[in-house]
Amino acid sequence: MTTSPITITDTARDHIQNFLKTMGENAGFKLGVKASGCSGFAYVVDIAQQPGENDECIDINNVRVFIDKDSIPMLKGTMVDLKDKGIGQKQLCFNNPNVEDSCGCGESFTVKSED
């Protein structure tokens, strides 16, 4: 059995599944990392009808997840959770053990180098 590169909490799962329900039975939660921001990288989150050409398709906590294969090393060990921001607003957050530093606004991050 292959170990999943990420975990998804029950509250995040419920939030994601609410979006997936409206998109059809093959839809999935798409996650990746791209070069961006003042610290170097940013998470890319989307709902997709099908995996992309470079996506790994994995079932995680009853959520169909499409993870960009090139992003897996930077996401390995990440826990996706849901944060209550008040006034009825919720936001997915990422507890990523690979992050070394993040910018002040929290939108981008740097990863630990593999020495």
PDB file of N, CA and C in Angstrom:
ATOM      1  N   MET A   1       0.840  -1.185   0.000  1.00  0.00           N
ATOM      2  CA  MET A   1       0.000   0.000   0.000  1.00  0.00           C
ATOM      3  C   MET A   1       0.885   1.248   0.000  1.00  0.00           C
ATOM      4  N   THR A   2       0.606   2.167  -0.897  1.00  0.00           N
ATOM      5  CA  THR A   2       1.358   3.401  -1.010  1.00  0.00           C
ATOM      6  C   THR A   2       0.870   4.399   0.030  1.00  0.00           C
ATOM      7  N   THR A   3       1.806   5.066   0.687  1.00  0.00           N
ATOM      8  CA  THR A   3       1.454   6.091   1.655  1.00  0.00           C
ATOM      9  C   THR A   3       1.089   7.364   0.916  1.00  0.00           C
ATOM     10  N   SER A   4      -0.007   7.980   1.333  1.00  0.00           N
ATOM     11  CA  SER A   4      -0.446   9.221   0.714  1.00  0.00           C
ATOM     12  C   SER A   4       0.518  10.349   1.073  1.00  0.00           C
ATOM     13  N   PRO A   5       0.848  11.219   0.129  1.00  0.00           N
ATOM     14  CA  PRO A   5       1.770  12.319   0.430  1.00  0.00           C
ATOM     15  C   PRO A   5       1.159  13.377   1.349  1.00  0.00           C
ATOM     16  N   ILE A   6      -0.183  13.454   1.412  1.00  0.00           N
ATOM     17  CA  ILE A   6      -0.849  14.433   2.267  1.00  0.00           C
ATOM     18  C   ILE A   6      -1.950  13.752   3.070  1.00  0.00           C
ATOM     19  N   THR A   7      -2.420  14.444   4.108  1.00  0.00           N
ATOM     20  CA  THR A   7      -3.609  14.013   4.838  1.00  0.00           C
ATOM     21  C   THR A   7      -4.629  15.148   4.783  1.00  0.00           C
ATOM     22  N   ILE A   8      -5.886  14.798   4.951  1.00  0.00           N
ATOM     23  CA  ILE A   8      -6.970  15.775   4.952  1.00  0.00           C
ATOM     24  C   ILE A   8      -7.799  15.531   6.202  1.00  0.00           C
ATOM     25  N   THR A   9      -7.967  16.565   7.025  1.00  0.00           N
ATOM     26  CA  THR A   9      -8.767  16.423   8.237  1.00  0.00           C
ATOM     27  C   THR A   9     -10.234  16.224   7.867  1.00  0.00           C
ATOM     28  N   ASP A  10     -11.010  15.742   8.827  1.00  0.00           N
ATOM     29  CA  ASP A  10     -12.435  15.515   8.579  1.00  0.00           C
ATOM     30  C   ASP A  10     -13.168  16.812   8.242  1.00  0.00           C
ATOM     31  N   THR A  11     -12.827  17.915   8.909  1.00  0.00           N
ATOM     32  CA  THR A  11     -13.509  19.182   8.626  1.00  0.00           C
ATOM     33  C   THR A  11     -13.157  19.695   7.231  1.00  0.00           C
ATOM     34  N   ALA A  12     -11.895  19.545   6.833  1.00  0.00           N
ATOM     35  CA  ALA A  12     -11.503  19.944   5.472  1.00  0.00           C
ATOM     36  C   ALA A  12     -12.175  19.037   4.447  1.00  0.00           C
ATOM     37  N   ARG A  13     -12.236  17.742   4.756  1.00  0.00           N
ATOM     38  CA  ARG A  13     -12.902  16.797   3.845  1.00  0.00           C
ATOM     39  C   ARG A  13     -14.348  17.215   3.601  1.00  0.00           C
ATOM     40  N   ASP A  14     -15.077  17.517   4.670  1.00  0.00           N
ATOM     41  CA  ASP A  14     -16.486  17.898   4.524  1.00  0.00           C
ATOM     42  C   ASP A  14     -16.623  19.154   3.668  1.00  0.00           C
ATOM     43  N   HIS A  15     -15.755  20.111   3.884  1.00  0.00           N
ATOM     44  CA  HIS A  15     -15.757  21.366   3.116  1.00  0.00           C
ATOM     45  C   HIS A  15     -15.488  21.095   1.633  1.00  0.00           C
ATOM     46  N   ILE A  16     -14.480  20.302   1.355  1.00  0.00           N
ATOM     47  CA  ILE A  16     -14.123  19.980  -0.030  1.00  0.00           C
ATOM     48  C   ILE A  16     -15.233  19.186  -0.701  1.00  0.00           C
ATOM     49  N   GLN A  17     -15.812  18.213   0.019  1.00  0.00           N
ATOM     50  CA  GLN A  17     -16.872  17.388  -0.567  1.00  0.00           C
ATOM     51  C   GLN A  17     -18.098  18.211  -0.941  1.00  0.00           C
ATOM     52  N   ASN A  18     -18.376  19.287  -0.204  1.00  0.00           N
ATOM     53  CA  ASN A  18     -19.496  20.168  -0.554  1.00  0.00           C
ATOM     54  C   ASN A  18     -19.296  20.765  -1.945  1.00  0.00           C
ATOM     55  N   PHE A  19     -18.063  21.128  -2.273  1.00  0.00           N
ATOM     56  CA  PHE A  19     -17.771  21.660  -3.607  1.00  0.00           C
ATOM     57  C   PHE A  19     -17.806  20.552  -4.658  1.00  0.00           C
ATOM     58  N   LEU A  20     -17.253  19.395  -4.320  1.00  0.00           N
ATOM     59  CA  LEU A  20     -17.185  18.297  -5.283  1.00  0.00           C
ATOM     60  C   LEU A  20     -18.571  17.804  -5.684  1.00  0.00           C
ATOM     61  N   LYS A  21     -19.532  17.813  -4.759  1.00  0.00           N
ATOM     62  CA  LYS A  21     -20.895  17.352  -5.037  1.00  0.00           C
ATOM     63  C   LYS A  21     -21.502  18.065  -6.226  1.00  0.00           C
ATOM     64  N   THR A  22     -21.208  19.350  -6.348  1.00  0.00           N
ATOM     65  CA  THR A  22     -21.822  20.157  -7.394  1.00  0.00           C
ATOM     66  C   THR A  22     -21.125  19.992  -8.741  1.00  0.00           C
ATOM     67  N   MET A  23     -19.987  19.316  -8.760  1.00  0.00           N
ATOM     68  CA  MET A  23     -19.182  19.230  -9.979  1.00  0.00           C
ATOM     69  C   MET A  23     -19.292  17.896 -10.719  1.00  0.00           C
ATOM     70  N   GLY A  24     -20.014  16.939 -10.167  1.00  0.00           N
ATOM     71  CA  GLY A  24     -20.136  15.649 -10.838  1.00  0.00           C
ATOM     72  C   GLY A  24     -19.298  14.587 -10.159  1.00  0.00           C
ATOM     73  N   GLU A  25     -19.603  13.323 -10.462  1.00  0.00           N
ATOM     74  CA  GLU A  25     -19.001  12.209  -9.718  1.00  0.00           C
ATOM     75  C   GLU A  25     -17.515  11.985  -9.963  1.00  0.00           C
ATOM     76  N   ASN A  26     -16.967  12.458 -11.072  1.00  0.00           N
ATOM     77  CA  ASN A  26     -15.545  12.256 -11.350  1.00  0.00           C
ATOM     78  C   ASN A  26     -14.663  13.418 -10.911  1.00  0.00           C
ATOM     79  N   ALA A  27     -15.273  14.465 -10.387  1.00  0.00           N
ATOM     80  CA  ALA A  27     -14.517  15.659  -9.995  1.00  0.00           C
ATOM     81  C   ALA A  27     -13.583  15.343  -8.830  1.00  0.00           C
ATOM     82  N   GLY A  28     -12.517  16.121  -8.738  1.00  0.00           N
ATOM     83  CA  GLY A  28     -11.564  15.918  -7.663  1.00  0.00           C
ATOM     84  C   GLY A  28     -10.978  17.228  -7.169  1.00  0.00           C
ATOM     85  N   PHE A  29     -10.374  17.157  -6.005  1.00  0.00           N
ATOM     86  CA  PHE A  29      -9.679  18.279  -5.383  1.00  0.00           C
ATOM     87  C   PHE A  29      -8.272  18.301  -5.948  1.00  0.00           C
ATOM     88  N   LYS A  30      -7.919  19.374  -6.644  1.00  0.00           N
ATOM     89  CA  LYS A  30      -6.615  19.472  -7.312  1.00  0.00           C
ATOM     90  C   LYS A  30      -5.674  20.313  -6.459  1.00  0.00           C
ATOM     91  N   LEU A  31      -4.471  19.776  -6.211  1.00  0.00           N
ATOM     92  CA  LEU A  31      -3.503  20.455  -5.364  1.00  0.00           C
ATOM     93  C   LEU A  31      -2.125  20.406  -6.005  1.00  0.00           C
ATOM     94  N   GLY A  32      -1.446  21.527  -5.955  1.00  0.00           N
ATOM     95  CA  GLY A  32      -0.088  21.603  -6.470  1.00  0.00           C
ATOM     96  C   GLY A  32       0.627  22.796  -5.867  1.00  0.00           C
ATOM     97  N   VAL A  33       1.843  23.016  -6.318  1.00  0.00           N
ATOM     98  CA  VAL A  33       2.669  24.131  -5.875  1.00  0.00           C
ATOM     99  C   VAL A  33       3.233  24.789  -7.129  1.00  0.00           C
ATOM    100  N   LYS A  34       3.266  26.118  -7.132  1.00  0.00           N
ATOM    101  CA  LYS A  34       3.865  26.837  -8.262  1.00  0.00           C
ATOM    102  C   LYS A  34       4.818  27.896  -7.740  1.00  0.00           C
ATOM    103  N   ALA A  35       5.780  28.265  -8.567  1.00  0.00           N
ATOM    104  CA  ALA A  35       6.694  29.356  -8.232  1.00  0.00           C
ATOM    105  C   ALA A  35       5.882  30.642  -8.233  1.00  0.00           C
ATOM    106  N   SER A  36       5.937  31.359  -7.091  1.00  0.00           N
ATOM    107  CA  SER A  36       5.120  32.560  -6.978  1.00  0.00           C
ATOM    108  C   SER A  36       5.432  33.303  -5.696  1.00  0.00           C
ATOM    109  N   GLY A  37       5.014  34.539  -5.647  1.00  0.00           N
ATOM    110  CA  GLY A  37       5.069  35.312  -4.420  1.00  0.00           C
ATOM    111  C   GLY A  37       6.467  35.731  -4.015  1.00  0.00           C
ATOM    112  N   CYS A  38       6.528  36.403  -2.874  1.00  0.00           N
ATOM    113  CA  CYS A  38       7.806  36.959  -2.419  1.00  0.00           C
ATOM    114  C   CYS A  38       8.685  35.912  -1.732  1.00  0.00           C
ATOM    115  N   SER A  39       8.128  34.763  -1.351  1.00  0.00           N
ATOM    116  CA  SER A  39       8.943  33.743  -0.688  1.00  0.00           C
ATOM    117  C   SER A  39       9.332  32.587  -1.606  1.00  0.00           C
ATOM    118  N   GLY A  40       8.738  32.486  -2.766  1.00  0.00           N
ATOM    119  CA  GLY A  40       9.178  31.466  -3.705  1.00  0.00           C
ATOM    120  C   GLY A  40       8.111  30.546  -4.261  1.00  0.00           C
ATOM    121  N   PHE A  41       7.204  30.046  -3.405  1.00  0.00           N
ATOM    122  CA  PHE A  41       6.184  29.098  -3.863  1.00  0.00           C
ATOM    123  C   PHE A  41       4.824  29.447  -3.278  1.00  0.00           C
ATOM    124  N   ALA A  42       3.769  29.006  -3.968  1.00  0.00           N
ATOM    125  CA  ALA A  42       2.405  29.177  -3.481  1.00  0.00           C
ATOM    126  C   ALA A  42       1.618  27.913  -3.797  1.00  0.00           C
ATOM    127  N   TYR A  43       0.633  27.617  -2.963  1.00  0.00           N
ATOM    128  CA  TYR A  43      -0.234  26.461  -3.208  1.00  0.00           C
ATOM    129  C   TYR A  43      -1.198  26.790  -4.335  1.00  0.00           C
ATOM    130  N   VAL A  44      -1.486  25.793  -5.157  1.00  0.00           N
ATOM    131  CA  VAL A  44      -2.476  25.913  -6.217  1.00  0.00           C
ATOM    132  C   VAL A  44      -3.587  24.939  -5.856  1.00  0.00           C
ATOM    133  N   VAL A  45      -4.777  25.474  -5.616  1.00  0.00           N
ATOM    134  CA  VAL A  45      -5.919  24.670  -5.194  1.00  0.00           C
ATOM    135  C   VAL A  45      -7.053  24.904  -6.177  1.00  0.00           C
ATOM    136  N   ASP A  46      -7.710  23.818  -6.581  1.00  0.00           N
ATOM    137  CA  ASP A  46      -8.804  23.936  -7.534  1.00  0.00           C
ATOM    138  C   ASP A  46      -9.689  22.704  -7.423  1.00  0.00           C
ATOM    139  N   ILE A  47     -10.831  22.760  -8.074  1.00  0.00           N
ATOM    140  CA  ILE A  47     -11.693  21.601  -8.258  1.00  0.00           C
ATOM    141  C   ILE A  47     -11.637  21.304  -9.752  1.00  0.00           C
ATOM    142  N   ALA A  48     -11.351  20.061 -10.106  1.00  0.00           N
ATOM    143  CA  ALA A  48     -11.197  19.701 -11.517  1.00  0.00           C
ATOM    144  C   ALA A  48     -12.104  18.526 -11.865  1.00  0.00           C
ATOM    145  N   GLN A  49     -12.540  18.485 -13.098  1.00  0.00           N
ATOM    146  CA  GLN A  49     -13.395  17.397 -13.580  1.00  0.00           C
ATOM    147  C   GLN A  49     -12.634  16.086 -13.732  1.00  0.00           C
ATOM    148  N   GLN A  50     -11.340  16.195 -14.014  1.00  0.00           N
ATOM    149  CA  GLN A  50     -10.516  15.006 -14.195  1.00  0.00           C
ATOM    150  C   GLN A  50      -9.058  15.369 -13.922  1.00  0.00           C
ATOM    151  N   PRO A  51      -8.230  14.370 -13.636  1.00  0.00           N
ATOM    152  CA  PRO A  51      -6.823  14.682 -13.375  1.00  0.00           C
ATOM    153  C   PRO A  51      -6.137  15.221 -14.626  1.00  0.00           C
ATOM    154  N   GLY A  52      -5.157  16.080 -14.388  1.00  0.00           N
ATOM    155  CA  GLY A  52      -4.346  16.586 -15.487  1.00  0.00           C
ATOM    156  C   GLY A  52      -3.328  15.546 -15.906  1.00  0.00           C
ATOM    157  N   GLU A  53      -2.640  15.822 -16.978  1.00  0.00           N
ATOM    158  CA  GLU A  53      -1.656  14.909 -17.554  1.00  0.00           C
ATOM    159  C   GLU A  53      -0.552  14.531 -16.562  1.00  0.00           C
ATOM    160  N   ASN A  54      -0.183  15.459 -15.683  1.00  0.00           N
ATOM    161  CA  ASN A  54       0.917  15.232 -14.749  1.00  0.00           C
ATOM    162  C   ASN A  54       0.425  15.005 -13.312  1.00  0.00           C
ATOM    163  N   ASP A  55      -0.862  14.650 -13.154  1.00  0.00           N
ATOM    164  CA  ASP A  55      -1.442  14.485 -11.825  1.00  0.00           C
ATOM    165  C   ASP A  55      -1.466  13.040 -11.361  1.00  0.00           C
ATOM    166  N   GLU A  56      -1.190  12.858 -10.087  1.00  0.00           N
ATOM    167  CA  GLU A  56      -1.387  11.580  -9.398  1.00  0.00           C
ATOM    168  C   GLU A  56      -2.806  11.627  -8.839  1.00  0.00           C
ATOM    169  N   CYS A  57      -3.611  10.591  -9.075  1.00  0.00           N
ATOM    170  CA  CYS A  57      -4.983  10.536  -8.579  1.00  0.00           C
ATOM    171  C   CYS A  57      -5.010   9.597  -7.364  1.00  0.00           C
ATOM    172  N   ILE A  58      -5.383  10.141  -6.188  1.00  0.00           N
ATOM    173  CA  ILE A  58      -5.344   9.384  -4.942  1.00  0.00           C
ATOM    174  C   ILE A  58      -6.638   9.635  -4.173  1.00  0.00           C
ATOM    175  N   ASP A  59      -7.163   8.599  -3.528  1.00  0.00           N
ATOM    176  CA  ASP A  59      -8.297   8.772  -2.625  1.00  0.00           C
ATOM    177  C   ASP A  59      -7.737   9.015  -1.228  1.00  0.00           C
ATOM    178  N   ILE A  60      -8.050  10.176  -0.647  1.00  0.00           N
ATOM    179  CA  ILE A  60      -7.558  10.541   0.684  1.00  0.00           C
ATOM    180  C   ILE A  60      -8.763  10.937   1.536  1.00  0.00           C
ATOM    181  N   ASN A  61      -9.024  10.169   2.586  1.00  0.00           N
ATOM    182  CA  ASN A  61     -10.132  10.457   3.510  1.00  0.00           C
ATOM    183  C   ASN A  61     -11.443  10.658   2.747  1.00  0.00           C
ATOM    184  N   ASN A  62     -11.692   9.769   1.789  1.00  0.00           N
ATOM    185  CA  ASN A  62     -12.899   9.791   0.961  1.00  0.00           C
ATOM    186  C   ASN A  62     -13.015  11.022   0.069  1.00  0.00           C
ATOM    187  N   VAL A  63     -11.890  11.594  -0.310  1.00  0.00           N
ATOM    188  CA  VAL A  63     -11.857  12.700  -1.268  1.00  0.00           C
ATOM    189  C   VAL A  63     -10.965  12.269  -2.423  1.00  0.00           C
ATOM    190  N   ARG A  64     -11.462  12.430  -3.629  1.00  0.00           N
ATOM    191  CA  ARG A  64     -10.642  12.166  -4.818  1.00  0.00           C
ATOM    192  C   ARG A  64      -9.716  13.362  -4.997  1.00  0.00           C
ATOM    193  N   VAL A  65      -8.402  13.106  -4.928  1.00  0.00           N
ATOM    194  CA  VAL A  65      -7.413  14.179  -4.961  1.00  0.00           C
ATOM    195  C   VAL A  65      -6.500  14.007  -6.170  1.00  0.00           C
ATOM    196  N   PHE A  66      -6.288  15.107  -6.894  1.00  0.00           N
ATOM    197  CA  PHE A  66      -5.354  15.143  -8.010  1.00  0.00           C
ATOM    198  C   PHE A  66      -4.163  15.989  -7.562  1.00  0.00           C
ATOM    199  N   ILE A  67      -3.000  15.348  -7.409  1.00  0.00           N
ATOM    200  CA  ILE A  67      -1.806  16.068  -6.967  1.00  0.00           C
ATOM    201  C   ILE A  67      -0.791  16.102  -8.101  1.00  0.00           C
ATOM    202  N   ASP A  68      -0.329  17.302  -8.414  1.00  0.00           N
ATOM    203  CA  ASP A  68       0.696  17.460  -9.425  1.00  0.00           C
ATOM    204  C   ASP A  68       1.943  16.674  -8.990  1.00  0.00           C
ATOM    205  N   LYS A  69       2.397  15.747  -9.830  1.00  0.00           N
ATOM    206  CA  LYS A  69       3.532  14.875  -9.477  1.00  0.00           C
ATOM    207  C   LYS A  69       4.798  15.662  -9.141  1.00  0.00           C
ATOM    208  N   ASP A  70       5.023  16.779  -9.825  1.00  0.00           N
ATOM    209  CA  ASP A  70       6.217  17.581  -9.557  1.00  0.00           C
ATOM    210  C   ASP A  70       6.142  18.274  -8.189  1.00  0.00           C
ATOM    211  N   SER A  71       4.927  18.431  -7.660  1.00  0.00           N
ATOM    212  CA  SER A  71       4.732  19.106  -6.372  1.00  0.00           C
ATOM    213  C   SER A  71       4.818  18.159  -5.184  1.00  0.00           C
ATOM    214  N   ILE A  72       4.721  16.859  -5.421  1.00  0.00           N
ATOM    215  CA  ILE A  72       4.675  15.893  -4.325  1.00  0.00           C
ATOM    216  C   ILE A  72       5.841  16.046  -3.344  1.00  0.00           C
ATOM    217  N   PRO A  73       7.094  16.213  -3.789  1.00  0.00           N
ATOM    218  CA  PRO A  73       8.174  16.360  -2.799  1.00  0.00           C
ATOM    219  C   PRO A  73       7.981  17.562  -1.864  1.00  0.00           C
ATOM    220  N   MET A  74       7.393  18.651  -2.371  1.00  0.00           N
ATOM    221  CA  MET A  74       7.176  19.835  -1.539  1.00  0.00           C
ATOM    222  C   MET A  74       5.941  19.712  -0.659  1.00  0.00           C
ATOM    223  N   LEU A  75       5.042  18.774  -0.996  1.00  0.00           N
ATOM    224  CA  LEU A  75       3.805  18.586  -0.246  1.00  0.00           C
ATOM    225  C   LEU A  75       3.861  17.410   0.722  1.00  0.00           C
ATOM    226  N   LYS A  76       4.875  16.569   0.599  1.00  0.00           N
ATOM    227  CA  LYS A  76       4.953  15.340   1.392  1.00  0.00           C
ATOM    228  C   LYS A  76       4.828  15.632   2.888  1.00  0.00           C
ATOM    229  N   GLY A  77       3.843  14.997   3.528  1.00  0.00           N
ATOM    230  CA  GLY A  77       3.614  15.164   4.961  1.00  0.00           C
ATOM    231  C   GLY A  77       2.653  16.295   5.305  1.00  0.00           C
ATOM    232  N   THR A  78       2.147  17.000   4.305  1.00  0.00           N
ATOM    233  CA  THR A  78       1.254  18.136   4.549  1.00  0.00           C
ATOM    234  C   THR A  78      -0.112  17.674   5.034  1.00  0.00           C
ATOM    235  N   MET A  79      -0.643  18.388   6.026  1.00  0.00           N
ATOM    236  CA  MET A  79      -2.002  18.160   6.489  1.00  0.00           C
ATOM    237  C   MET A  79      -2.859  19.333   6.025  1.00  0.00           C
ATOM    238  N   VAL A  80      -3.916  19.023   5.271  1.00  0.00           N
ATOM    239  CA  VAL A  80      -4.862  20.034   4.818  1.00  0.00           C
ATOM    240  C   VAL A  80      -5.959  20.125   5.874  1.00  0.00           C
ATOM    241  N   ASP A  81      -6.192  21.320   6.381  1.00  0.00           N
ATOM    242  CA  ASP A  81      -7.190  21.532   7.429  1.00  0.00           C
ATOM    243  C   ASP A  81      -8.071  22.704   7.025  1.00  0.00           C
ATOM    244  N   LEU A  82      -9.088  22.966   7.826  1.00  0.00           N
ATOM    245  CA  LEU A  82     -10.007  24.074   7.566  1.00  0.00           C
ATOM    246  C   LEU A  82      -9.959  25.018   8.751  1.00  0.00           C
ATOM    247  N   LYS A  83      -9.736  26.295   8.459  1.00  0.00           N
ATOM    248  CA  LYS A  83      -9.647  27.309   9.499  1.00  0.00           C
ATOM    249  C   LYS A  83     -10.892  28.190   9.430  1.00  0.00           C
ATOM    250  N   ASP A  84     -11.512  28.421  10.587  1.00  0.00           N
ATOM    251  CA  ASP A  84     -12.660  29.317  10.670  1.00  0.00           C
ATOM    252  C   ASP A  84     -12.133  30.739  10.816  1.00  0.00           C
ATOM    253  N   LYS A  85     -12.435  31.580   9.835  1.00  0.00           N
ATOM    254  CA  LYS A  85     -11.932  32.954   9.846  1.00  0.00           C
ATOM    255  C   LYS A  85     -12.951  33.930  10.420  1.00  0.00           C
ATOM    256  N   GLY A  86     -14.067  33.420  10.955  1.00  0.00           N
ATOM    257  CA  GLY A  86     -15.107  34.274  11.516  1.00  0.00           C
ATOM    258  C   GLY A  86     -16.061  34.786  10.459  1.00  0.00           C
ATOM    259  N   ILE A  87     -17.167  35.326  10.893  1.00  0.00           N
ATOM    260  CA  ILE A  87     -18.209  35.879  10.017  1.00  0.00           C
ATOM    261  C   ILE A  87     -18.599  34.895   8.912  1.00  0.00           C
ATOM    262  N   GLY A  88     -18.640  33.612   9.244  1.00  0.00           N
ATOM    263  CA  GLY A  88     -19.064  32.591   8.293  1.00  0.00           C
ATOM    264  C   GLY A  88     -18.048  32.245   7.223  1.00  0.00           C
ATOM    265  N   GLN A  89     -16.828  32.751   7.334  1.00  0.00           N
ATOM    266  CA  GLN A  89     -15.806  32.465   6.339  1.00  0.00           C
ATOM    267  C   GLN A  89     -14.883  31.354   6.817  1.00  0.00           C
ATOM    268  N   LYS A  90     -14.589  30.443   5.912  1.00  0.00           N
ATOM    269  CA  LYS A  90     -13.672  29.348   6.202  1.00  0.00           C
ATOM    270  C   LYS A  90     -12.601  29.312   5.121  1.00  0.00           C
ATOM    271  N   GLN A  91     -11.418  28.838   5.497  1.00  0.00           N
ATOM    272  CA  GLN A  91     -10.311  28.806   4.550  1.00  0.00           C
ATOM    273  C   GLN A  91      -9.501  27.529   4.756  1.00  0.00           C
ATOM    274  N   LEU A  92      -9.147  26.884   3.652  1.00  0.00           N
ATOM    275  CA  LEU A  92      -8.249  25.746   3.746  1.00  0.00           C
ATOM    276  C   LEU A  92      -6.881  26.246   4.170  1.00  0.00           C
ATOM    277  N   CYS A  93      -6.226  25.504   5.050  1.00  0.00           N
ATOM    278  CA  CYS A  93      -4.871  25.851   5.462  1.00  0.00           C
ATOM    279  C   CYS A  93      -4.003  24.600   5.356  1.00  0.00           C
ATOM    280  N   PHE A  94      -2.715  24.826   5.223  1.00  0.00           N
ATOM    281  CA  PHE A  94      -1.776  23.748   4.957  1.00  0.00           C
ATOM    282  C   PHE A  94      -0.700  23.718   6.035  1.00  0.00           C
ATOM    283  N   ASN A  95      -0.655  22.633   6.786  1.00  0.00           N
ATOM    284  CA  ASN A  95       0.407  22.432   7.773  1.00  0.00           C
ATOM    285  C   ASN A  95       1.454  21.572   7.087  1.00  0.00           C
ATOM    286  N   ASN A  96       2.447  22.240   6.515  1.00  0.00           N
ATOM    287  CA  ASN A  96       3.434  21.580   5.665  1.00  0.00           C
ATOM    288  C   ASN A  96       4.790  21.532   6.377  1.00  0.00           C
ATOM    289  N   PRO A  97       5.269  20.325   6.728  1.00  0.00           N
ATOM    290  CA  PRO A  97       6.546  20.218   7.432  1.00  0.00           C
ATOM    291  C   PRO A  97       7.756  20.594   6.577  1.00  0.00           C
ATOM    292  N   ASN A  98       7.561  20.766   5.281  1.00  0.00           N
ATOM    293  CA  ASN A  98       8.652  21.117   4.377  1.00  0.00           C
ATOM    294  C   ASN A  98       8.890  22.622   4.286  1.00  0.00           C
ATOM    295  N   VAL A  99       7.974  23.407   4.858  1.00  0.00           N
ATOM    296  CA  VAL A  99       8.093  24.861   4.779  1.00  0.00           C
ATOM    297  C   VAL A  99       9.136  25.344   5.775  1.00  0.00           C
ATOM    298  N   GLU A 100      10.066  26.115   5.247  1.00  0.00           N
ATOM    299  CA  GLU A 100      11.108  26.694   6.086  1.00  0.00           C
ATOM    300  C   GLU A 100      10.727  28.101   6.537  1.00  0.00           C
ATOM    301  N   ASP A 101      10.081  28.863   5.647  1.00  0.00           N
ATOM    302  CA  ASP A 101       9.710  30.234   5.957  1.00  0.00           C
ATOM    303  C   ASP A 101       8.535  30.618   5.065  1.00  0.00           C
ATOM    304  N   SER A 102       7.769  31.607   5.508  1.00  0.00           N
ATOM    305  CA  SER A 102       6.675  32.103   4.676  1.00  0.00           C
ATOM    306  C   SER A 102       6.668  33.622   4.733  1.00  0.00           C
ATOM    307  N   CYS A 103       6.028  34.229   3.759  1.00  0.00           N
ATOM    308  CA  CYS A 103       5.994  35.687   3.712  1.00  0.00           C
ATOM    309  C   CYS A 103       5.012  36.203   4.756  1.00  0.00           C
ATOM    310  N   GLY A 104       5.058  37.476   5.020  1.00  0.00           N
ATOM    311  CA  GLY A 104       4.210  38.090   6.032  1.00  0.00           C
ATOM    312  C   GLY A 104       2.728  37.951   5.760  1.00  0.00           C
ATOM    313  N   CYS A 105       2.339  37.954   4.506  1.00  0.00           N
ATOM    314  CA  CYS A 105       0.914  37.847   4.178  1.00  0.00           C
ATOM    315  C   CYS A 105       0.442  36.392   4.177  1.00  0.00           C
ATOM    316  N   GLY A 106       1.369  35.447   4.243  1.00  0.00           N
ATOM    317  CA  GLY A 106       1.002  34.035   4.308  1.00  0.00           C
ATOM    318  C   GLY A 106       0.652  33.404   2.971  1.00  0.00           C
ATOM    319  N   GLU A 107       0.847  34.115   1.887  1.00  0.00           N
ATOM    320  CA  GLU A 107       0.483  33.604   0.571  1.00  0.00           C
ATOM    321  C   GLU A 107       1.563  32.755  -0.086  1.00  0.00           C
ATOM    322  N   SER A 108       2.818  32.942   0.309  1.00  0.00           N
ATOM    323  CA  SER A 108       3.885  32.161  -0.315  1.00  0.00           C
ATOM    324  C   SER A 108       4.845  31.646   0.744  1.00  0.00           C
ATOM    325  N   PHE A 109       5.682  30.694   0.331  1.00  0.00           N
ATOM    326  CA  PHE A 109       6.578  30.029   1.282  1.00  0.00           C
ATOM    327  C   PHE A 109       7.839  29.553   0.591  1.00  0.00           C
ATOM    328  N   THR A 110       8.854  29.254   1.391  1.00  0.00           N
ATOM    329  CA  THR A 110      10.059  28.594   0.900  1.00  0.00           C
ATOM    330  C   THR A 110      10.118  27.214   1.537  1.00  0.00           C
ATOM    331  N   VAL A 111      10.756  26.289   0.836  1.00  0.00           N
ATOM    332  CA  VAL A 111      10.880  24.931   1.367  1.00  0.00           C
ATOM    333  C   VAL A 111      12.301  24.688   1.845  1.00  0.00           C
ATOM    334  N   LYS A 112      12.407  23.759   2.791  1.00  0.00           N
ATOM    335  CA  LYS A 112      13.717  23.377   3.315  1.00  0.00           C
ATOM    336  C   LYS A 112      14.528  22.748   2.202  1.00  0.00           C
ATOM    337  N   SER A 113      15.790  23.092   2.132  1.00  0.00           N
ATOM    338  CA  SER A 113      16.652  22.481   1.122  1.00  0.00           C
ATOM    339  C   SER A 113      17.082  21.115   1.609  1.00  0.00           C
ATOM    340  N   GLU A 114      17.278  20.213   0.662  1.00  0.00           N
ATOM    341  CA  GLU A 114      17.748  18.866   0.977  1.00  0.00           C
ATOM    342  C   GLU A 114      19.266  18.860   0.907  1.00  0.00           C
ATOM    343  N   ASP A 115      19.909  18.986   2.055  1.00  0.00           N
ATOM    344  CA  ASP A 115      21.376  19.018   2.100  1.00  0.00           C
ATOM    345  C   ASP A 115      21.967  17.652   1.960  1.00  0.00           C
TER     346      ASP A 115
END
